[in-house]
Amino acid sequence: MFTTGSEVIEWIISRGYFGSCPGLERITELLRLLGNPERTYPTIHVAGTNGKGSTTRYLANLLRADGLRVGTFNSPFIKDFAEQVEINGQEIGNSDLVKLGNQIKPLVEQMDNQKKFYGITEFEILTGLAFYYFKGRVDLAIIEVGMGGLLDSTNVIEPELIAITTIGLDHTAFLGDTIEKIAYQKAGIIKENTPLVVGNVSEAALKVIKTQALKKNSTVYVWERDYQTDYRGFVEQQFEKFDFRNHDIKLKNLETPLIGHQQVENAAVALEMYYLYMQKHDLSFDKEQIMHSLLQTRWPARMEIISSKPLVIMDGAHNPHAIKRLKENLLSDYQDYHVRILFSAIVTKDIGTMLEELLQIPNVEITLTTFDDKRALRLEDFKAWQPRIKLSADWRKAYRELKDNLKSNELLLIAGSLYFSSEVRSQIK
């Protein structure tokens, strides 16, 4: 029997993140044993290579402002494990973790005794726990896909709205090595007659998504076709300002404290979903409330300013698609700064491509490091990159040296894996 939340978390993590055989059999069985809680409340499903977490946060804030109790399921965590399961911004508490852990563990042991269901993973258990926790507590839940979509354990819900934020090359060993293959996996969450909002994706990805949507009779709302944003600038290095419009409404001078041009696009996806939800439920659309809700959105390690003097920014860009957008943000919003980067990632990522992208920034200096995770990169594999980049085995020492020697015209960027960001943030924030 578990007696503390930390014991439950330790047990869940011990199950391992990725299973040896993809599929929905294990999560379906776990949810059956729990009485299929996911069928007891409405859901919204959000997929995408990048931006799905931010989009989920924006949308949750917008809906909460209308008095709704909103559950959110996000991954991975940055501050602490329990933040992945929240209701109205409050993460699941220790007592509920203990209660649910003691209910779920015997079911997992029962499943492990059956060959068909053996080996349910960390993420699958967490999915089941979140869905069960939300039962009777929320008016609706926004569920972020863990990886891909088609075979992701969250893909057992019947949502009333769906979003695909972006499509880029990531998790290629699991999802495929082309944009089209990855788009097909993401489009696997499309359900019959369910509206779909699509963010800034390439034509190749959009073609795949539209093909799958047509098969499901799903109406598709596409960025820059059905809804648009006009970027208005980076205000006081604190807010991204923009206008939003679709076929029915226009909203001007909106602001988001989440920094980066891509955050305007993420906010637009959330706004279009919010509009569709409000329209479906015949609810009013209040501009002042919308502006306030956007400004209340927080999402750690997404162009997060850790320190202003000296300027230290943390961003969990962990794939080539995200790194490219990060580079664009630096070149447009911080063009007057020399950039110092402390970077690390896990070995499954395309680290070489990401480093090459970052090296294109003028006057950049990159320090490659590692961190306390068995999946973290090995510095010996990057010796050939010297002297283009520096290598440091101790990220703490490297961070202190970089920060202490930072000049007024320089910024320090901590980037790479969200797992790296999580470890660094917990010790410096």
Protein backbone atom coordinates (compact mmCIF):
# COMPACT_ATOMS: atom_id res chain seq x y z
CA MET A 1 0.00 0.00 0.00
CA PHE A 2 1.20 3.48 -0.85
CA THR A 3 1.24 6.01 1.97
CA THR A 4 2.76 9.03 0.17
CA GLY A 5 2.38 10.67 -3.22
CA SER A 6 6.10 10.33 -3.86
CA GLU A 7 5.79 6.54 -3.53
CA VAL A 8 3.07 6.51 -6.17
CA ILE A 9 5.15 8.67 -8.49
CA GLU A 10 8.21 6.47 -7.99
CA TRP A 11 6.15 3.39 -8.85
CA ILE A 12 4.64 4.97 -11.98
CA ILE A 13 8.05 6.13 -13.23
CA SER A 14 9.52 2.66 -12.58
CA ARG A 15 7.19 1.27 -15.25
CA GLY A 16 9.19 2.97 -18.00
CA TYR A 17 8.06 5.57 -20.50
CA PHE A 18 7.90 3.66 -23.78
CA GLY A 19 6.35 0.22 -24.21
CA SER A 20 7.81 -2.47 -26.40
CA CYS A 21 4.64 -2.83 -28.45
CA PRO A 22 2.53 0.17 -29.47
CA GLY A 23 -1.24 -0.01 -29.33
CA LEU A 24 -4.28 0.88 -27.29
CA GLU A 25 -5.01 -2.57 -25.83
CA ARG A 26 -3.40 -1.94 -22.45
CA ILE A 27 -4.90 1.49 -21.78
CA THR A 28 -8.30 0.28 -23.02
CA GLU A 29 -8.20 -2.60 -20.54
CA LEU A 30 -7.06 -0.39 -17.66
CA LEU A 31 -9.87 2.06 -18.33
CA ARG A 32 -12.37 -0.81 -18.57
CA LEU A 33 -11.27 -2.02 -15.15
CA LEU A 34 -11.71 1.55 -13.85
CA GLY A 35 -15.23 1.75 -15.25
CA ASN A 36 -14.36 3.86 -18.31
CA PRO A 37 -14.21 7.22 -16.51
CA GLU A 38 -13.21 9.00 -19.74
CA ARG A 39 -16.78 8.58 -20.99
CA THR A 40 -18.31 10.54 -18.12
CA TYR A 41 -17.25 14.08 -19.13
CA PRO A 42 -16.63 16.01 -22.38
CA THR A 43 -13.08 16.21 -23.72
CA ILE A 44 -10.98 18.21 -26.16
CA HIS A 45 -7.96 16.54 -27.77
CA VAL A 46 -4.76 18.39 -28.76
CA ALA A 47 -1.93 16.91 -30.83
CA GLY A 48 1.13 18.39 -32.53
CA THR A 49 4.90 18.17 -32.71
CA ASN A 50 5.24 21.46 -30.84
CA GLY A 51 2.84 23.94 -29.30
CA LYS A 52 0.24 21.54 -27.93
CA GLY A 53 1.07 22.27 -24.29
CA SER A 54 0.85 26.04 -24.75
CA THR A 55 -2.36 25.69 -26.75
CA THR A 56 -3.86 23.56 -23.98
CA ARG A 57 -2.95 26.19 -21.39
CA TYR A 58 -4.41 29.06 -23.39
CA LEU A 59 -7.64 27.17 -24.02
CA ALA A 60 -7.98 26.07 -20.40
CA ASN A 61 -7.67 29.67 -19.21
CA LEU A 62 -10.22 30.87 -21.74
CA LEU A 63 -12.75 28.22 -20.68
CA ARG A 64 -12.11 28.69 -16.95
CA ALA A 65 -13.01 32.34 -17.30
CA ASP A 66 -16.51 31.20 -18.24
CA GLY A 67 -16.88 29.46 -14.89
CA LEU A 68 -16.07 25.97 -16.13
CA ARG A 69 -14.02 23.47 -14.13
CA VAL A 70 -11.36 22.43 -16.62
CA GLY A 71 -9.09 19.43 -16.28
CA THR A 72 -5.78 19.43 -18.16
CA PHE A 73 -3.48 16.53 -18.95
CA ASN A 74 -0.03 17.63 -20.17
CA SER A 75 3.37 15.98 -20.48
CA PRO A 76 6.22 15.94 -19.73
CA PHE A 77 6.47 17.87 -16.47
CA ILE A 78 8.85 20.77 -15.81
CA LYS A 79 8.44 21.66 -12.12
CA ASP A 80 7.07 18.45 -10.61
CA PHE A 81 5.41 15.23 -11.71
CA ALA A 82 1.94 16.07 -10.42
CA GLU A 83 1.63 19.17 -12.64
CA GLN A 84 0.77 16.87 -15.53
CA VAL A 85 -2.71 16.37 -14.04
CA GLU A 86 -4.50 19.58 -13.05
CA ILE A 87 -7.97 20.98 -12.49
CA ASN A 88 -8.32 24.75 -12.91
CA GLY A 89 -4.56 25.11 -12.64
CA GLN A 90 -4.27 23.12 -9.39
CA GLU A 91 -2.21 19.95 -9.68
CA ILE A 92 -3.41 16.68 -8.24
CA GLY A 93 -2.70 16.50 -4.52
CA ASN A 94 -0.82 13.86 -2.55
CA SER A 95 -3.93 12.38 -0.94
CA ASP A 96 -5.57 11.83 -4.32
CA LEU A 97 -2.35 10.39 -5.73
CA VAL A 98 -2.20 7.90 -2.86
CA LYS A 99 -5.86 6.97 -3.19
CA LEU A 100 -5.70 6.50 -6.96
CA GLY A 101 -2.32 4.75 -6.80
CA ASN A 102 -3.72 2.18 -4.37
CA GLN A 103 -6.70 1.63 -6.66
CA ILE A 104 -4.71 1.32 -9.85
CA LYS A 105 -1.69 -0.75 -8.76
CA PRO A 106 -3.69 -3.97 -8.13
CA LEU A 107 -5.29 -3.58 -11.55
CA VAL A 108 -1.87 -3.19 -13.16
CA GLU A 109 -0.65 -6.32 -11.36
CA GLN A 110 -3.73 -8.14 -12.59
CA MET A 111 -2.98 -7.02 -16.15
CA ASP A 112 0.68 -8.05 -15.85
CA ASN A 113 -0.50 -11.61 -15.25
CA GLN A 114 -2.05 -11.65 -18.71
CA LYS A 115 0.25 -11.84 -21.74
CA LYS A 116 -2.03 -9.62 -23.80
CA PHE A 117 -1.87 -6.73 -21.31
CA TYR A 118 1.56 -7.23 -19.75
CA GLY A 119 3.93 -4.28 -19.41
CA ILE A 120 1.64 -1.27 -19.22
CA THR A 121 3.89 1.79 -19.23
CA GLU A 122 4.37 4.92 -17.13
CA PHE A 123 2.48 7.11 -19.58
CA GLU A 124 -0.38 4.67 -19.98
CA ILE A 125 -0.83 4.42 -16.20
CA LEU A 126 -0.65 8.20 -15.87
CA THR A 127 -3.28 8.54 -18.61
CA GLY A 128 -5.61 6.16 -16.77
CA LEU A 129 -4.98 7.94 -13.48
CA ALA A 130 -5.74 11.36 -15.00
CA PHE A 131 -8.93 10.18 -16.67
CA TYR A 132 -10.13 8.59 -13.43
CA TYR A 133 -9.19 11.66 -11.38
CA PHE A 134 -11.26 13.95 -13.62
CA LYS A 135 -14.43 11.85 -13.17
CA GLY A 136 -17.04 13.83 -11.25
CA ARG A 137 -14.64 16.75 -10.79
CA VAL A 138 -14.61 18.59 -14.14
CA ASP A 139 -17.00 20.08 -16.65
CA LEU A 140 -14.59 19.13 -19.40
CA ALA A 141 -10.98 18.03 -19.82
CA ILE A 142 -8.37 19.12 -22.34
CA ILE A 143 -6.13 16.19 -23.14
CA GLU A 144 -2.69 16.64 -24.69
CA VAL A 145 -1.35 13.78 -26.78
CA GLY A 146 1.85 12.28 -25.42
CA MET A 147 3.47 11.19 -28.69
CA GLY A 148 2.03 10.97 -32.18
CA GLY A 149 -1.68 10.41 -31.95
CA LEU A 150 -2.94 7.27 -33.65
CA LEU A 151 -1.42 4.86 -31.12
CA ASP A 152 -1.03 7.29 -28.22
CA SER A 153 -2.72 6.13 -25.03
CA THR A 154 -4.87 9.26 -24.94
CA ASN A 155 -6.50 8.24 -28.22
CA VAL A 156 -9.32 6.39 -26.50
CA ILE A 157 -11.49 9.46 -25.96
CA GLU A 158 -14.35 10.71 -28.10
CA PRO A 159 -13.68 14.47 -28.00
CA GLU A 160 -16.01 17.21 -29.10
CA LEU A 161 -13.12 19.27 -30.53
CA ILE A 162 -9.68 18.35 -31.87
CA ALA A 163 -6.55 20.37 -32.69
CA ILE A 164 -3.30 19.61 -34.49
CA THR A 165 -0.96 22.50 -33.75
CA THR A 166 2.21 21.78 -35.77
CA ILE A 167 3.91 18.98 -37.68
CA GLY A 168 7.69 18.50 -37.62
CA LEU A 169 10.26 15.73 -37.56
CA ASP A 170 10.43 14.29 -34.04
CA HIS A 171 10.24 10.80 -32.52
CA THR A 172 11.06 9.53 -36.02
CA ALA A 173 11.93 6.04 -34.74
CA PHE A 174 8.33 5.67 -33.58
CA LEU A 175 6.32 7.93 -35.90
CA GLY A 176 8.14 7.74 -39.24
CA ASP A 177 10.90 9.64 -40.98
CA THR A 178 8.89 11.97 -43.21
CA ILE A 179 6.47 14.83 -42.59
CA GLU A 180 3.73 12.85 -44.32
CA LYS A 181 4.19 9.79 -42.08
CA ILE A 182 4.20 11.92 -38.94
CA ALA A 183 1.14 13.85 -40.12
CA TYR A 184 -0.67 10.54 -40.61
CA GLN A 185 0.10 9.57 -37.01
CA LYS A 186 -1.08 12.94 -35.68
CA ALA A 187 -4.23 12.74 -37.80
CA GLY A 188 -5.01 9.45 -36.09
CA ILE A 189 -6.86 11.38 -33.37
CA ILE A 190 -9.49 12.66 -35.83
CA LYS A 191 -12.91 11.27 -34.94
CA GLU A 192 -16.16 10.97 -36.86
CA ASN A 193 -17.99 14.31 -37.32
CA THR A 194 -15.63 16.10 -34.91
CA PRO A 195 -14.42 19.62 -35.81
CA LEU A 196 -10.65 19.91 -36.27
CA VAL A 197 -8.54 23.07 -35.87
CA VAL A 198 -5.17 22.96 -37.63
CA GLY A 199 -2.30 25.31 -36.85
CA ASN A 200 0.72 26.37 -38.89
CA VAL A 201 1.57 23.19 -40.81
CA SER A 202 3.16 22.63 -44.20
CA GLU A 203 1.11 21.89 -47.31
CA ALA A 204 2.45 18.32 -47.33
CA ALA A 205 1.22 17.74 -43.78
CA LEU A 206 -2.08 19.52 -44.41
CA LYS A 207 -2.82 17.31 -47.40
CA VAL A 208 -2.49 14.19 -45.26
CA ILE A 209 -4.60 15.70 -42.48
CA LYS A 210 -7.35 16.76 -44.89
CA THR A 211 -7.44 13.29 -46.43
CA GLN A 212 -7.98 11.68 -43.04
CA ALA A 213 -10.50 14.34 -42.01
CA LEU A 214 -12.53 13.72 -45.16
CA LYS A 215 -12.76 10.01 -44.30
CA LYS A 216 -14.15 10.95 -40.89
CA ASN A 217 -16.49 13.66 -42.17
CA SER A 218 -14.61 16.12 -39.95
CA THR A 219 -14.84 19.85 -40.68
CA VAL A 220 -11.34 21.36 -40.82
CA TYR A 221 -10.47 24.93 -39.74
CA VAL A 222 -7.04 25.88 -41.06
CA TRP A 223 -4.73 28.68 -39.90
CA GLU A 224 -4.51 31.57 -42.42
CA ARG A 225 -7.48 30.18 -44.35
CA ASP A 226 -10.32 29.97 -41.83
CA TYR A 227 -8.75 32.02 -39.05
CA GLN A 228 -5.84 34.46 -39.15
CA THR A 229 -3.41 36.36 -36.98
CA ASP A 230 -1.68 39.68 -37.62
CA TYR A 231 1.49 39.96 -35.59
CA ARG A 232 1.87 43.42 -33.97
CA GLY A 233 5.23 43.13 -32.28
CA PHE A 234 7.15 42.28 -29.14
CA VAL A 235 6.06 44.78 -26.48
CA GLU A 236 8.60 45.81 -23.82
CA GLN A 237 10.24 42.40 -24.20
CA GLN A 238 7.35 41.00 -22.18
CA PHE A 239 4.36 40.42 -24.45
CA GLU A 240 3.66 39.28 -27.99
CA LYS A 241 0.93 41.50 -29.46
CA PHE A 242 -1.41 40.39 -32.22
CA ASP A 243 -4.85 40.60 -33.83
CA PHE A 244 -7.09 37.59 -34.38
CA ARG A 245 -9.94 37.12 -36.79
CA ASN A 246 -12.04 34.41 -38.38
CA HIS A 247 -15.11 34.48 -40.61
CA ASP A 248 -17.28 35.88 -37.81
CA ILE A 249 -15.19 37.88 -35.34
CA LYS A 250 -12.26 40.27 -35.10
CA LEU A 251 -10.20 40.79 -31.94
CA LYS A 252 -7.52 43.49 -31.91
CA ASN A 253 -4.52 44.22 -29.70
CA LEU A 254 -4.45 40.90 -27.89
CA GLU A 255 -1.34 40.12 -25.84
CA THR A 256 0.29 36.95 -24.56
CA PRO A 257 3.07 36.76 -21.96
CA LEU A 258 4.34 33.58 -23.59
CA ILE A 259 7.20 34.83 -25.75
CA GLY A 260 7.90 33.83 -29.35
CA HIS A 261 6.09 34.30 -32.63
CA GLN A 262 4.90 30.70 -32.48
CA GLN A 263 3.00 31.56 -29.30
CA VAL A 264 0.78 33.87 -31.31
CA GLU A 265 -0.02 30.91 -33.56
CA ASN A 266 -0.66 28.65 -30.56
CA ALA A 267 -2.94 31.29 -29.06
CA ALA A 268 -4.79 31.49 -32.37
CA VAL A 269 -5.44 27.74 -32.39
CA ALA A 270 -6.78 28.03 -28.84
CA LEU A 271 -8.94 31.04 -29.76
CA GLU A 272 -10.45 29.27 -32.75
CA MET A 273 -11.21 26.21 -30.61
CA TYR A 274 -12.67 28.45 -27.92
CA TYR A 275 -14.86 30.20 -30.48
CA LEU A 276 -16.13 26.86 -31.84
CA TYR A 277 -16.84 25.61 -28.32
CA MET A 278 -18.71 28.78 -27.37
CA GLN A 279 -20.65 28.71 -30.63
CA LYS A 280 -21.63 25.07 -30.14
CA HIS A 281 -22.83 25.70 -26.59
CA ASP A 282 -24.46 29.06 -27.42
CA LEU A 283 -22.25 30.99 -25.00
CA SER A 284 -21.20 34.64 -25.23
CA PHE A 285 -17.82 35.78 -26.52
CA ASP A 286 -16.35 38.61 -24.41
CA LYS A 287 -13.23 40.39 -25.68
CA GLU A 288 -12.17 41.84 -22.32
CA GLN A 289 -12.44 38.42 -20.72
CA ILE A 290 -10.42 36.89 -23.56
CA MET A 291 -7.67 39.48 -23.22
CA HIS A 292 -7.45 38.88 -19.47
CA SER A 293 -7.40 35.09 -19.88
CA LEU A 294 -4.55 35.18 -22.40
CA LEU A 295 -2.50 37.42 -20.11
CA GLN A 296 -2.96 34.95 -17.24
CA THR A 297 -1.40 32.08 -19.20
CA ARG A 298 1.85 30.69 -17.85
CA TRP A 299 3.86 27.78 -19.22
CA PRO A 300 7.37 27.18 -17.87
CA ALA A 301 10.43 26.62 -20.08
CA ARG A 302 8.79 28.13 -23.16
CA MET A 303 10.91 31.22 -23.88
CA GLU A 304 10.67 31.80 -20.13
CA ILE A 305 12.66 34.74 -18.78
CA ILE A 306 14.48 33.32 -15.76
CA SER A 307 16.40 36.53 -15.07
CA SER A 308 16.24 40.03 -16.53
CA LYS A 309 19.61 41.32 -15.32
CA PRO A 310 21.53 39.49 -16.62
CA LEU A 311 19.12 38.24 -19.29
CA VAL A 312 18.63 34.47 -18.95
CA ILE A 313 15.97 32.69 -21.00
CA MET A 314 14.91 29.03 -20.84
CA ASP A 315 13.27 27.25 -23.74
CA GLY A 316 12.54 23.56 -24.06
CA ALA A 317 13.01 23.46 -27.84
CA HIS A 318 13.89 19.80 -28.31
CA ASN A 319 13.53 19.02 -32.02
CA PRO A 320 14.61 20.69 -35.29
CA HIS A 321 11.18 22.22 -35.89
CA ALA A 322 11.18 23.94 -32.47
CA ILE A 323 14.85 24.95 -32.72
CA LYS A 324 14.22 26.66 -36.04
CA ARG A 325 11.39 28.71 -34.52
CA LEU A 326 13.59 29.48 -31.51
CA LYS A 327 16.33 30.77 -33.80
CA GLU A 328 13.81 32.96 -35.66
CA ASN A 329 12.62 34.43 -32.36
CA LEU A 330 16.15 35.26 -31.28
CA LEU A 331 16.99 36.90 -34.61
CA SER A 332 13.83 39.03 -34.60
CA ASP A 333 13.23 39.86 -30.93
CA TYR A 334 16.80 39.79 -29.59
CA GLN A 335 18.78 40.86 -32.63
CA ASP A 336 20.85 43.33 -30.58
CA TYR A 337 22.14 40.62 -28.25
CA HIS A 338 25.02 38.21 -28.55
CA VAL A 339 23.70 34.78 -27.63
CA ARG A 340 25.33 32.30 -25.28
CA ILE A 341 23.64 28.89 -25.27
CA LEU A 342 23.78 26.08 -22.72
CA PHE A 343 22.34 23.07 -24.51
CA SER A 344 21.56 19.43 -23.78
CA ALA A 345 19.12 16.79 -24.97
CA ILE A 346 18.34 13.11 -24.83
CA VAL A 347 20.03 10.72 -27.28
CA THR A 348 16.86 9.97 -29.25
CA LYS A 349 16.75 13.55 -30.55
CA ASP A 350 18.39 14.83 -33.75
CA ILE A 351 21.03 16.73 -31.81
CA GLY A 352 23.35 17.34 -34.78
CA THR A 353 20.67 19.07 -36.84
CA MET A 354 19.66 21.22 -33.87
CA LEU A 355 23.25 22.30 -33.19
CA GLU A 356 23.81 23.19 -36.86
CA GLU A 357 20.68 25.34 -36.76
CA LEU A 358 21.81 27.17 -33.63
CA LEU A 359 25.31 27.71 -35.03
CA GLN A 360 23.76 29.87 -37.75
CA ILE A 361 22.99 32.57 -35.16
CA PRO A 362 25.54 35.41 -35.51
CA ASN A 363 28.10 35.72 -32.69
CA VAL A 364 26.70 32.66 -30.97
CA GLU A 365 28.62 30.62 -28.41
CA ILE A 366 27.31 27.12 -27.61
CA THR A 367 28.22 25.03 -24.58
CA LEU A 368 27.08 21.44 -24.86
CA THR A 369 26.51 19.64 -21.58
CA THR A 370 24.76 16.63 -20.10
CA PHE A 371 22.43 16.02 -17.16
CA ASP A 372 21.14 13.44 -14.71
CA ASP A 373 19.12 11.18 -17.00
CA LYS A 374 20.12 7.81 -18.42
CA ARG A 375 18.87 9.01 -21.81
CA ALA A 376 21.00 12.19 -21.76
CA LEU A 377 23.56 12.75 -24.52
CA ARG A 378 27.13 11.53 -24.04
CA LEU A 379 29.73 14.25 -24.46
CA GLU A 380 32.29 11.83 -25.90
CA ASP A 381 30.02 11.47 -28.93
CA PHE A 382 30.51 15.17 -29.71
CA LYS A 383 34.27 15.61 -29.45
CA ALA A 384 34.45 16.13 -33.21
CA TRP A 385 32.30 19.25 -32.81
CA GLN A 386 35.12 21.06 -31.04
CA PRO A 387 36.15 23.88 -31.41
CA ARG A 388 32.81 24.97 -32.97
CA ILE A 389 31.17 24.33 -29.61
CA LYS A 390 32.41 23.94 -26.05
CA LEU A 391 31.88 20.77 -24.03
CA SER A 392 31.17 20.79 -20.31
CA ALA A 393 30.44 17.71 -18.20
CA ASP A 394 28.94 19.77 -15.35
CA TRP A 395 25.99 21.92 -16.40
CA ARG A 396 25.88 23.64 -13.00
CA LYS A 397 29.45 24.87 -13.31
CA ALA A 398 28.91 25.88 -16.93
CA TYR A 399 25.75 27.78 -16.00
CA ARG A 400 27.44 29.70 -13.19
CA GLU A 401 30.40 30.66 -15.39
CA LEU A 402 28.20 31.75 -18.28
CA LYS A 403 25.83 33.75 -16.10
CA ASP A 404 28.55 35.39 -13.99
CA ASN A 405 30.42 36.58 -17.09
CA LEU A 406 27.38 37.71 -19.07
CA LYS A 407 27.70 41.24 -20.46
CA SER A 408 24.86 43.72 -20.83
CA ASN A 409 24.63 43.06 -24.58
CA GLU A 410 24.52 39.27 -24.13
CA LEU A 411 21.81 36.79 -23.22
CA LEU A 412 22.12 33.28 -21.89
CA LEU A 413 19.75 30.74 -23.41
CA ILE A 414 19.20 27.39 -21.71
CA ALA A 415 17.76 25.11 -24.37
CA GLY A 416 17.22 21.53 -25.44
CA SER A 417 15.28 18.67 -23.93
CA LEU A 418 12.38 19.51 -21.64
CA TYR A 419 13.91 16.94 -19.28
CA PHE A 420 17.06 19.06 -19.20
CA SER A 421 15.01 22.22 -18.65
CA SER A 422 13.17 20.52 -15.80
CA GLU A 423 16.40 19.59 -14.01
CA VAL A 424 17.97 23.02 -14.48
CA ARG A 425 14.85 24.95 -13.55
CA SER A 426 14.38 23.00 -10.32
CA GLN A 427 17.84 24.07 -9.16
CA ILE A 428 18.10 27.67 -10.34
CA LYS A 429 14.55 29.05 -10.27
